[in-house]
Each structure stands twice: as C-alpha cells, then as structure tokens.
Amino acid sequence: KYFQINEAYMNKLIETVSVQLLMDEKAKEEFVKLE
C-alpha cells in the first residue's frame, strides 16, 4: 500500500530480486551497503 503496488505482484518481484542477488555478487554488495 505504501509503495502503491499490488501485493502479489510485489512479492513476485521480490522473489526475482532475491534470485538475482544470489547470482550477482556486485548487486548483492550494493544491497548490503543500503541495508
């Protein structure tokens, strides 16, 4: 609701990002920095 996105669609996108982060070490580092 806060980010104005359908919840099911959001969860599908998050799942895709999670898989991408497993395969892309550089992207994972960027996310870790933001975290």
PDB file of all heavy atoms in Angstrom:
ATOM      1  N   LYS A   1       0.835  -1.204   0.000  1.00  0.00           N
ATOM      2  CA  LYS A   1       0.000   0.000   0.000  1.00  0.00           C
ATOM      3  C   LYS A   1       0.871   1.257   0.000  1.00  0.00           C
ATOM      4  O   LYS A   1       0.620   2.193  -0.746  1.00  0.00           O
ATOM      5  CB  LYS A   1      -0.927  -0.001   1.214  1.00  0.00           C
ATOM      6  CG  LYS A   1      -1.873   1.162   1.236  1.00  0.00           C
ATOM      7  CD  LYS A   1      -2.856   1.050   2.384  1.00  0.00           C
ATOM      8  CE  LYS A   1      -3.784   2.263   2.365  1.00  0.00           C
ATOM      9  NZ  LYS A   1      -4.762   2.204   3.433  1.00  0.00           N
ATOM     10  N   TYR A   2       1.904   1.264   0.824  1.00  0.00           N
ATOM     11  CA  TYR A   2       2.785   2.429   0.916  1.00  0.00           C
ATOM     12  C   TYR A   2       3.467   2.722  -0.420  1.00  0.00           C
ATOM     13  O   TYR A   2       3.564   3.876  -0.836  1.00  0.00           O
ATOM     14  CB  TYR A   2       3.830   2.196   2.007  1.00  0.00           C
ATOM     15  CG  TYR A   2       4.775   3.355   2.199  1.00  0.00           C
ATOM     16  CD1 TYR A   2       4.419   4.449   2.979  1.00  0.00           C
ATOM     17  CD2 TYR A   2       6.028   3.362   1.597  1.00  0.00           C
ATOM     18  CE1 TYR A   2       5.286   5.516   3.149  1.00  0.00           C
ATOM     19  CE2 TYR A   2       6.894   4.426   1.766  1.00  0.00           C
ATOM     20  CZ  TYR A   2       6.520   5.500   2.540  1.00  0.00           C
ATOM     21  OH  TYR A   2       7.376   6.566   2.696  1.00  0.00           O
ATOM     22  N   PHE A   3       3.938   1.674  -1.096  1.00  0.00           N
ATOM     23  CA  PHE A   3       4.650   1.859  -2.359  1.00  0.00           C
ATOM     24  C   PHE A   3       3.732   1.782  -3.582  1.00  0.00           C
ATOM     25  O   PHE A   3       4.213   1.783  -4.716  1.00  0.00           O
ATOM     26  CB  PHE A   3       5.795   0.844  -2.480  1.00  0.00           C
ATOM     27  CG  PHE A   3       6.917   1.116  -1.520  1.00  0.00           C
ATOM     28  CD1 PHE A   3       7.170   0.258  -0.468  1.00  0.00           C
ATOM     29  CD2 PHE A   3       7.717   2.242  -1.648  1.00  0.00           C
ATOM     30  CE1 PHE A   3       8.203   0.509   0.437  1.00  0.00           C
ATOM     31  CE2 PHE A   3       8.746   2.509  -0.754  1.00  0.00           C
ATOM     32  CZ  PHE A   3       8.983   1.639   0.292  1.00  0.00           C
ATOM     33  N   GLN A   4       2.431   1.724  -3.362  1.00  0.00           N
ATOM     34  CA  GLN A   4       1.431   1.727  -4.422  1.00  0.00           C
ATOM     35  C   GLN A   4       1.681   0.627  -5.460  1.00  0.00           C
ATOM     36  O   GLN A   4       1.872   0.896  -6.648  1.00  0.00           O
ATOM     37  CB  GLN A   4       1.372   3.095  -5.105  1.00  0.00           C
ATOM     38  CG  GLN A   4       1.001   4.215  -4.167  1.00  0.00           C
ATOM     39  CD  GLN A   4       0.871   5.535  -4.880  1.00  0.00           C
ATOM     40  OE1 GLN A   4       0.172   5.624  -5.880  1.00  0.00           O
ATOM     41  NE2 GLN A   4       1.541   6.552  -4.374  1.00  0.00           N
ATOM     42  N   ILE A   5       1.678  -0.607  -4.980  1.00  0.00           N
ATOM     43  CA  ILE A   5       1.917  -1.746  -5.844  1.00  0.00           C
ATOM     44  C   ILE A   5       1.046  -2.898  -5.349  1.00  0.00           C
ATOM     45  O   ILE A   5       0.779  -3.009  -4.153  1.00  0.00           O
ATOM     46  CB  ILE A   5       3.425  -2.126  -5.852  1.00  0.00           C
ATOM     47  CG1 ILE A   5       3.727  -3.191  -6.893  1.00  0.00           C
ATOM     48  CG2 ILE A   5       3.909  -2.516  -4.479  1.00  0.00           C
ATOM     49  CD1 ILE A   5       5.229  -3.420  -7.109  1.00  0.00           C
ATOM     50  N   ASN A   6       0.590  -3.718  -6.263  1.00  0.00           N
ATOM     51  CA  ASN A   6      -0.196  -4.893  -5.914  1.00  0.00           C
ATOM     52  C   ASN A   6       0.665  -5.836  -5.071  1.00  0.00           C
ATOM     53  O   ASN A   6       1.814  -6.111  -5.427  1.00  0.00           O
ATOM     54  CB  ASN A   6      -0.676  -5.577  -7.196  1.00  0.00           C
ATOM     55  CG  ASN A   6      -1.420  -6.855  -6.920  1.00  0.00           C
ATOM     56  OD1 ASN A   6      -0.808  -7.901  -6.716  1.00  0.00           O
ATOM     57  ND2 ASN A   6      -2.731  -6.768  -6.913  1.00  0.00           N
ATOM     58  N   GLU A   7       0.115  -6.325  -3.975  1.00  0.00           N
ATOM     59  CA  GLU A   7       0.898  -7.145  -3.041  1.00  0.00           C
ATOM     60  C   GLU A   7       1.446  -8.422  -3.692  1.00  0.00           C
ATOM     61  O   GLU A   7       2.618  -8.758  -3.513  1.00  0.00           O
ATOM     62  CB  GLU A   7       0.042  -7.511  -1.833  1.00  0.00           C
ATOM     63  CG  GLU A   7       0.785  -8.302  -0.787  1.00  0.00           C
ATOM     64  CD  GLU A   7      -0.083  -8.656   0.407  1.00  0.00           C
ATOM     65  OE1 GLU A   7      -1.177  -8.077   0.570  1.00  0.00           O
ATOM     66  OE2 GLU A   7       0.342  -9.526   1.178  1.00  0.00           O
ATOM     67  N   ALA A   8       0.620  -9.125  -4.453  1.00  0.00           N
ATOM     68  CA  ALA A   8       1.080 -10.361  -5.094  1.00  0.00           C
ATOM     69  C   ALA A   8       2.175 -10.068  -6.114  1.00  0.00           C
ATOM     70  O   ALA A   8       3.182 -10.795  -6.198  1.00  0.00           O
ATOM     71  CB  ALA A   8      -0.092 -11.082  -5.759  1.00  0.00           C
ATOM     72  N   TYR A   9       1.987  -9.008  -6.884  1.00  0.00           N
ATOM     73  CA  TYR A   9       2.991  -8.614  -7.877  1.00  0.00           C
ATOM     74  C   TYR A   9       4.290  -8.203  -7.183  1.00  0.00           C
ATOM     75  O   TYR A   9       5.384  -8.569  -7.619  1.00  0.00           O
ATOM     76  CB  TYR A   9       2.442  -7.477  -8.735  1.00  0.00           C
ATOM     77  CG  TYR A   9       3.376  -6.988  -9.804  1.00  0.00           C
ATOM     78  CD1 TYR A   9       3.803  -7.831 -10.827  1.00  0.00           C
ATOM     79  CD2 TYR A   9       3.834  -5.677  -9.798  1.00  0.00           C
ATOM     80  CE1 TYR A   9       4.669  -7.384 -11.818  1.00  0.00           C
ATOM     81  CE2 TYR A   9       4.688  -5.219 -10.778  1.00  0.00           C
ATOM     82  CZ  TYR A   9       5.094  -6.076 -11.785  1.00  0.00           C
ATOM     83  OH  TYR A   9       5.953  -5.631 -12.764  1.00  0.00           O
ATOM     84  N   MET A  10       4.170  -7.465  -6.080  1.00  0.00           N
ATOM     85  CA  MET A  10       5.345  -7.057  -5.317  1.00  0.00           C
ATOM     86  C   MET A  10       6.128  -8.281  -4.853  1.00  0.00           C
ATOM     87  O   MET A  10       7.352  -8.331  -4.990  1.00  0.00           O
ATOM     88  CB  MET A  10       4.922  -6.222  -4.105  1.00  0.00           C
ATOM     89  CG  MET A  10       6.067  -5.840  -3.185  1.00  0.00           C
ATOM     90  SD  MET A  10       5.523  -5.089  -1.626  1.00  0.00           S
ATOM     91  CE  MET A  10       4.986  -6.528  -0.693  1.00  0.00           C
ATOM     92  N   ASN A  11       5.431  -9.268  -4.320  1.00  0.00           N
ATOM     93  CA  ASN A  11       6.106 -10.470  -3.831  1.00  0.00           C
ATOM     94  C   ASN A  11       6.788 -11.240  -4.960  1.00  0.00           C
ATOM     95  O   ASN A  11       7.866 -11.789  -4.765  1.00  0.00           O
ATOM     96  CB  ASN A  11       5.132 -11.355  -3.057  1.00  0.00           C
ATOM     97  CG  ASN A  11       4.841 -10.806  -1.683  1.00  0.00           C
ATOM     98  OD1 ASN A  11       5.713 -10.244  -1.032  1.00  0.00           O
ATOM     99  ND2 ASN A  11       3.618 -10.942  -1.237  1.00  0.00           N
ATOM    100  N   LYS A  12       6.189 -11.232  -6.136  1.00  0.00           N
ATOM    101  CA  LYS A  12       6.817 -11.874  -7.297  1.00  0.00           C
ATOM    102  C   LYS A  12       8.103 -11.133  -7.679  1.00  0.00           C
ATOM    103  O   LYS A  12       9.131 -11.754  -7.950  1.00  0.00           O
ATOM    104  CB  LYS A  12       5.841 -11.908  -8.467  1.00  0.00           C
ATOM    105  CG  LYS A  12       6.353 -12.648  -9.678  1.00  0.00           C
ATOM    106  CD  LYS A  12       5.258 -12.767 -10.723  1.00  0.00           C
ATOM    107  CE  LYS A  12       5.751 -13.391 -11.979  1.00  0.00           C
ATOM    108  NZ  LYS A  12       5.904 -14.821 -11.918  1.00  0.00           N
ATOM    109  N   LEU A  13       8.065  -9.797  -7.678  1.00  0.00           N
ATOM    110  CA  LEU A  13       9.261  -9.005  -7.981  1.00  0.00           C
ATOM    111  C   LEU A  13      10.352  -9.225  -6.940  1.00  0.00           C
ATOM    112  O   LEU A  13      11.531  -9.339  -7.275  1.00  0.00           O
ATOM    113  CB  LEU A  13       8.911  -7.514  -8.065  1.00  0.00           C
ATOM    114  CG  LEU A  13       8.084  -7.062  -9.248  1.00  0.00           C
ATOM    115  CD1 LEU A  13       7.717  -5.580  -9.104  1.00  0.00           C
ATOM    116  CD2 LEU A  13       8.808  -7.305 -10.557  1.00  0.00           C
ATOM    117  N   ILE A  14       9.959  -9.283  -5.682  1.00  0.00           N
ATOM    118  CA  ILE A  14      10.932  -9.501  -4.599  1.00  0.00           C
ATOM    119  C   ILE A  14      11.590 -10.868  -4.745  1.00  0.00           C
ATOM    120  O   ILE A  14      12.802 -11.003  -4.545  1.00  0.00           O
ATOM    121  CB  ILE A  14      10.254  -9.327  -3.222  1.00  0.00           C
ATOM    122  CG1 ILE A  14       9.937  -7.842  -2.991  1.00  0.00           C
ATOM    123  CG2 ILE A  14      11.125  -9.869  -2.100  1.00  0.00           C
ATOM    124  CD1 ILE A  14       9.079  -7.571  -1.777  1.00  0.00           C
ATOM    125  N   GLU A  15      10.808 -11.853  -5.112  1.00  0.00           N
ATOM    126  CA  GLU A  15      11.368 -13.195  -5.332  1.00  0.00           C
ATOM    127  C   GLU A  15      12.394 -13.170  -6.471  1.00  0.00           C
ATOM    128  O   GLU A  15      13.468 -13.766  -6.369  1.00  0.00           O
ATOM    129  CB  GLU A  15      10.236 -14.165  -5.667  1.00  0.00           C
ATOM    130  CG  GLU A  15      10.672 -15.596  -5.807  1.00  0.00           C
ATOM    131  CD  GLU A  15       9.497 -16.509  -6.095  1.00  0.00           C
ATOM    132  OE1 GLU A  15       8.441 -16.358  -5.466  1.00  0.00           O
ATOM    133  OE2 GLU A  15       9.653 -17.373  -6.976  1.00  0.00           O
ATOM    134  N   THR A  16      12.082 -12.441  -7.533  1.00  0.00           N
ATOM    135  CA  THR A  16      13.002 -12.313  -8.666  1.00  0.00           C
ATOM    136  C   THR A  16      14.290 -11.622  -8.237  1.00  0.00           C
ATOM    137  O   THR A  16      15.387 -12.056  -8.603  1.00  0.00           O
ATOM    138  CB  THR A  16      12.334 -11.522  -9.816  1.00  0.00           C
ATOM    139  OG1 THR A  16      11.139 -12.210 -10.211  1.00  0.00           O
ATOM    140  CG2 THR A  16      13.253 -11.389 -11.006  1.00  0.00           C
ATOM    141  N   VAL A  17      14.176 -10.556  -7.455  1.00  0.00           N
ATOM    142  CA  VAL A  17      15.355  -9.844  -6.960  1.00  0.00           C
ATOM    143  C   VAL A  17      16.198 -10.771  -6.093  1.00  0.00           C
ATOM    144  O   VAL A  17      17.425 -10.788  -6.204  1.00  0.00           O
ATOM    145  CB  VAL A  17      14.953  -8.571  -6.170  1.00  0.00           C
ATOM    146  CG1 VAL A  17      16.134  -7.994  -5.417  1.00  0.00           C
ATOM    147  CG2 VAL A  17      14.376  -7.529  -7.107  1.00  0.00           C
ATOM    148  N   SER A  18      15.559 -11.542  -5.243  1.00  0.00           N
ATOM    149  CA  SER A  18      16.287 -12.462  -4.366  1.00  0.00           C
ATOM    150  C   SER A  18      17.129 -13.446  -5.165  1.00  0.00           C
ATOM    151  O   SER A  18      18.288 -13.701  -4.832  1.00  0.00           O
ATOM    152  CB  SER A  18      15.312 -13.238  -3.478  1.00  0.00           C
ATOM    153  OG  SER A  18      14.624 -12.363  -2.631  1.00  0.00           O
ATOM    154  N   VAL A  19      16.567 -13.969  -6.240  1.00  0.00           N
ATOM    155  CA  VAL A  19      17.305 -14.904  -7.100  1.00  0.00           C
ATOM    156  C   VAL A  19      18.458 -14.184  -7.797  1.00  0.00           C
ATOM    157  O   VAL A  19      19.577 -14.700  -7.864  1.00  0.00           O
ATOM    158  CB  VAL A  19      16.356 -15.568  -8.126  1.00  0.00           C
ATOM    159  CG1 VAL A  19      17.140 -16.360  -9.168  1.00  0.00           C
ATOM    160  CG2 VAL A  19      15.348 -16.458  -7.423  1.00  0.00           C
ATOM    161  N   GLN A  20      18.205 -12.979  -8.290  1.00  0.00           N
ATOM    162  CA  GLN A  20      19.253 -12.209  -8.961  1.00  0.00           C
ATOM    163  C   GLN A  20      20.416 -11.916  -8.012  1.00  0.00           C
ATOM    164  O   GLN A  20      21.577 -11.966  -8.413  1.00  0.00           O
ATOM    165  CB  GLN A  20      18.695 -10.905  -9.515  1.00  0.00           C
ATOM    166  CG  GLN A  20      17.803 -11.092 -10.708  1.00  0.00           C
ATOM    167  CD  GLN A  20      17.130  -9.803 -11.158  1.00  0.00           C
ATOM    168  OE1 GLN A  20      17.036  -8.841 -10.406  1.00  0.00           O
ATOM    169  NE2 GLN A  20      16.662  -9.795 -12.395  1.00  0.00           N
ATOM    170  N   LEU A  21      20.102 -11.630  -6.765  1.00  0.00           N
ATOM    171  CA  LEU A  21      21.154 -11.328  -5.799  1.00  0.00           C
ATOM    172  C   LEU A  21      22.013 -12.551  -5.489  1.00  0.00           C
ATOM    173  O   LEU A  21      23.185 -12.408  -5.151  1.00  0.00           O
ATOM    174  CB  LEU A  21      20.558 -10.756  -4.511  1.00  0.00           C
ATOM    175  CG  LEU A  21      19.937  -9.363  -4.642  1.00  0.00           C
ATOM    176  CD1 LEU A  21      19.323  -8.933  -3.320  1.00  0.00           C
ATOM    177  CD2 LEU A  21      20.932  -8.343  -5.131  1.00  0.00           C
ATOM    178  N   LEU A  22      21.434 -13.726  -5.606  1.00  0.00           N
ATOM    179  CA  LEU A  22      22.211 -14.947  -5.417  1.00  0.00           C
ATOM    180  C   LEU A  22      23.237 -15.133  -6.533  1.00  0.00           C
ATOM    181  O   LEU A  22      24.296 -15.722  -6.327  1.00  0.00           O
ATOM    182  CB  LEU A  22      21.290 -16.174  -5.372  1.00  0.00           C
ATOM    183  CG  LEU A  22      20.414 -16.303  -4.138  1.00  0.00           C
ATOM    184  CD1 LEU A  22      19.437 -17.463  -4.319  1.00  0.00           C
ATOM    185  CD2 LEU A  22      21.242 -16.490  -2.885  1.00  0.00           C
ATOM    186  N   MET A  23      22.914 -14.613  -7.721  1.00  0.00           N
ATOM    187  CA  MET A  23      23.777 -14.808  -8.884  1.00  0.00           C
ATOM    188  C   MET A  23      24.705 -13.638  -9.169  1.00  0.00           C
ATOM    189  O   MET A  23      25.694 -13.791  -9.869  1.00  0.00           O
ATOM    190  CB  MET A  23      22.916 -15.082 -10.124  1.00  0.00           C
ATOM    191  CG  MET A  23      22.107 -16.361 -10.011  1.00  0.00           C
ATOM    192  SD  MET A  23      21.183 -16.757 -11.493  1.00  0.00           S
ATOM    193  CE  MET A  23      20.020 -15.429 -11.605  1.00  0.00           C
ATOM    194  N   ASP A  24      24.393 -12.457  -8.637  1.00  0.00           N
ATOM    195  CA  ASP A  24      25.159 -11.248  -8.957  1.00  0.00           C
ATOM    196  C   ASP A  24      25.785 -10.680  -7.679  1.00  0.00           C
ATOM    197  O   ASP A  24      25.132  -9.965  -6.912  1.00  0.00           O
ATOM    198  CB  ASP A  24      24.246 -10.213  -9.614  1.00  0.00           C
ATOM    199  CG  ASP A  24      24.986  -8.986 -10.104  1.00  0.00           C
ATOM    200  OD1 ASP A  24      26.153  -8.767  -9.721  1.00  0.00           O
ATOM    201  OD2 ASP A  24      24.375  -8.224 -10.881  1.00  0.00           O
ATOM    202  N   GLU A  25      27.040 -11.001  -7.478  1.00  0.00           N
ATOM    203  CA  GLU A  25      27.735 -10.601  -6.251  1.00  0.00           C
ATOM    204  C   GLU A  25      27.829  -9.072  -6.111  1.00  0.00           C
ATOM    205  O   GLU A  25      27.692  -8.535  -5.017  1.00  0.00           O
ATOM    206  CB  GLU A  25      29.131 -11.222  -6.218  1.00  0.00           C
ATOM    207  CG  GLU A  25      29.834 -11.089  -4.898  1.00  0.00           C
ATOM    208  CD  GLU A  25      29.122 -11.809  -3.764  1.00  0.00           C
ATOM    209  OE1 GLU A  25      28.549 -12.883  -3.985  1.00  0.00           O
ATOM    210  OE2 GLU A  25      29.151 -11.283  -2.631  1.00  0.00           O
ATOM    211  N   LYS A  26      28.052  -8.378  -7.207  1.00  0.00           N
ATOM    212  CA  LYS A  26      28.176  -6.910  -7.153  1.00  0.00           C
ATOM    213  C   LYS A  26      26.850  -6.266  -6.720  1.00  0.00           C
ATOM    214  O   LYS A  26      26.835  -5.355  -5.885  1.00  0.00           O
ATOM    215  CB  LYS A  26      28.623  -6.366  -8.510  1.00  0.00           C
ATOM    216  CG  LYS A  26      28.936  -4.902  -8.480  1.00  0.00           C
ATOM    217  CD  LYS A  26      29.590  -4.441  -9.752  1.00  0.00           C
ATOM    218  CE  LYS A  26      29.917  -2.971  -9.618  1.00  0.00           C
ATOM    219  NZ  LYS A  26      30.864  -2.497 -10.571  1.00  0.00           N
ATOM    220  N   ALA A  27      25.755  -6.750  -7.285  1.00  0.00           N
ATOM    221  CA  ALA A  27      24.441  -6.224  -6.898  1.00  0.00           C
ATOM    222  C   ALA A  27      24.167  -6.521  -5.425  1.00  0.00           C
ATOM    223  O   ALA A  27      23.636  -5.680  -4.696  1.00  0.00           O
ATOM    224  CB  ALA A  27      23.352  -6.822  -7.774  1.00  0.00           C
ATOM    225  N   LYS A  28      24.552  -7.714  -4.993  1.00  0.00           N
ATOM    226  CA  LYS A  28      24.356  -8.076  -3.589  1.00  0.00           C
ATOM    227  C   LYS A  28      25.125  -7.131  -2.680  1.00  0.00           C
ATOM    228  O   LYS A  28      24.619  -6.705  -1.636  1.00  0.00           O
ATOM    229  CB  LYS A  28      24.797  -9.516  -3.350  1.00  0.00           C
ATOM    230  CG  LYS A  28      24.545  -9.972  -1.937  1.00  0.00           C
ATOM    231  CD  LYS A  28      24.909 -11.418  -1.732  1.00  0.00           C
ATOM    232  CE  LYS A  28      24.637 -11.806  -0.289  1.00  0.00           C
ATOM    233  NZ  LYS A  28      24.865 -13.218  -0.049  1.00  0.00           N
ATOM    234  N   GLU A  29      26.341  -6.775  -3.061  1.00  0.00           N
ATOM    235  CA  GLU A  29      27.142  -5.840  -2.267  1.00  0.00           C
ATOM    236  C   GLU A  29      26.440  -4.492  -2.140  1.00  0.00           C
ATOM    237  O   GLU A  29      26.464  -3.870  -1.067  1.00  0.00           O
ATOM    238  CB  GLU A  29      28.520  -5.657  -2.892  1.00  0.00           C
ATOM    239  CG  GLU A  29      29.428  -6.852  -2.754  1.00  0.00           C
ATOM    240  CD  GLU A  29      30.745  -6.701  -3.515  1.00  0.00           C
ATOM    241  OE1 GLU A  29      31.054  -5.581  -3.980  1.00  0.00           O
ATOM    242  OE2 GLU A  29      31.449  -7.710  -3.648  1.00  0.00           O
ATOM    243  N   GLU A  30      25.828  -4.030  -3.224  1.00  0.00           N
ATOM    244  CA  GLU A  30      25.117  -2.748  -3.192  1.00  0.00           C
ATOM    245  C   GLU A  30      23.922  -2.812  -2.237  1.00  0.00           C
ATOM    246  O   GLU A  30      23.679  -1.876  -1.475  1.00  0.00           O
ATOM    247  CB  GLU A  30      24.665  -2.337  -4.598  1.00  0.00           C
ATOM    248  CG  GLU A  30      25.816  -1.991  -5.523  1.00  0.00           C
ATOM    249  CD  GLU A  30      26.693  -0.865  -4.985  1.00  0.00           C
ATOM    250  OE1 GLU A  30      26.154   0.163  -4.522  1.00  0.00           O
ATOM    251  OE2 GLU A  30      27.932  -1.022  -5.011  1.00  0.00           O
ATOM    252  N   PHE A  31      23.193  -3.911  -2.290  1.00  0.00           N
ATOM    253  CA  PHE A  31      22.059  -4.069  -1.388  1.00  0.00           C
ATOM    254  C   PHE A  31      22.523  -4.139   0.065  1.00  0.00           C
ATOM    255  O   PHE A  31      21.889  -3.563   0.944  1.00  0.00           O
ATOM    256  CB  PHE A  31      21.241  -5.317  -1.748  1.00  0.00           C
ATOM    257  CG  PHE A  31      20.167  -5.054  -2.767  1.00  0.00           C
ATOM    258  CD1 PHE A  31      20.460  -5.068  -4.113  1.00  0.00           C
ATOM    259  CD2 PHE A  31      18.866  -4.790  -2.377  1.00  0.00           C
ATOM    260  CE1 PHE A  31      19.476  -4.831  -5.064  1.00  0.00           C
ATOM    261  CE2 PHE A  31      17.870  -4.549  -3.312  1.00  0.00           C
ATOM    262  CZ  PHE A  31      18.177  -4.568  -4.655  1.00  0.00           C
ATOM    263  N   VAL A  32      23.630  -4.821   0.309  1.00  0.00           N
ATOM    264  CA  VAL A  32      24.161  -4.917   1.669  1.00  0.00           C
ATOM    265  C   VAL A  32      24.569  -3.534   2.177  1.00  0.00           C
ATOM    266  O   VAL A  32      24.309  -3.183   3.337  1.00  0.00           O
ATOM    267  CB  VAL A  32      25.337  -5.919   1.734  1.00  0.00           C
ATOM    268  CG1 VAL A  32      26.073  -5.828   3.065  1.00  0.00           C
ATOM    269  CG2 VAL A  32      24.834  -7.341   1.497  1.00  0.00           C
ATOM    270  N   LYS A  33      25.158  -2.728   1.313  1.00  0.00           N
ATOM    271  CA  LYS A  33      25.520  -1.353   1.704  1.00  0.00           C
ATOM    272  C   LYS A  33      24.271  -0.561   2.099  1.00  0.00           C
ATOM    273  O   LYS A  33      24.265   0.147   3.113  1.00  0.00           O
ATOM    274  CB  LYS A  33      26.245  -0.636   0.564  1.00  0.00           C
ATOM    275  CG  LYS A  33      27.664  -1.084   0.363  1.00  0.00           C
ATOM    276  CD  LYS A  33      28.285  -0.332  -0.808  1.00  0.00           C
ATOM    277  CE  LYS A  33      29.642  -0.888  -1.176  1.00  0.00           C
ATOM    278  NZ  LYS A  33      30.203  -0.241  -2.369  1.00  0.00           N
ATOM    279  N   LEU A  34      23.226  -0.674   1.284  1.00  0.00           N
ATOM    280  CA  LEU A  34      21.986   0.037   1.585  1.00  0.00           C
ATOM    281  C   LEU A  34      21.367  -0.474   2.885  1.00  0.00           C
ATOM    282  O   LEU A  34      20.885   0.313   3.701  1.00  0.00           O
ATOM    283  CB  LEU A  34      20.991  -0.103   0.430  1.00  0.00           C
ATOM    284  CG  LEU A  34      21.356   0.658  -0.838  1.00  0.00           C
ATOM    285  CD1 LEU A  34      20.457   0.229  -1.989  1.00  0.00           C
ATOM    286  CD2 LEU A  34      21.244   2.164  -0.621  1.00  0.00           C
ATOM    287  N   GLU A  35      21.408  -1.780   3.091  1.00  0.00           N
ATOM    288  CA  GLU A  35      20.897  -2.352   4.338  1.00  0.00           C
ATOM    289  C   GLU A  35      21.664  -1.812   5.537  1.00  0.00           C
ATOM    290  O   GLU A  35      21.057  -1.430   6.544  1.00  0.00           O
ATOM    291  CB  GLU A  35      21.028  -3.878   4.312  1.00  0.00           C
ATOM    292  CG  GLU A  35      20.083  -4.570   3.384  1.00  0.00           C
ATOM    293  CD  GLU A  35      20.356  -6.063   3.294  1.00  0.00           C
ATOM    294  OE1 GLU A  35      20.844  -6.657   4.288  1.00  0.00           O
ATOM    295  OE2 GLU A  35      20.065  -6.641   2.239  1.00  0.00           O
TER     296      GLU A  35
END
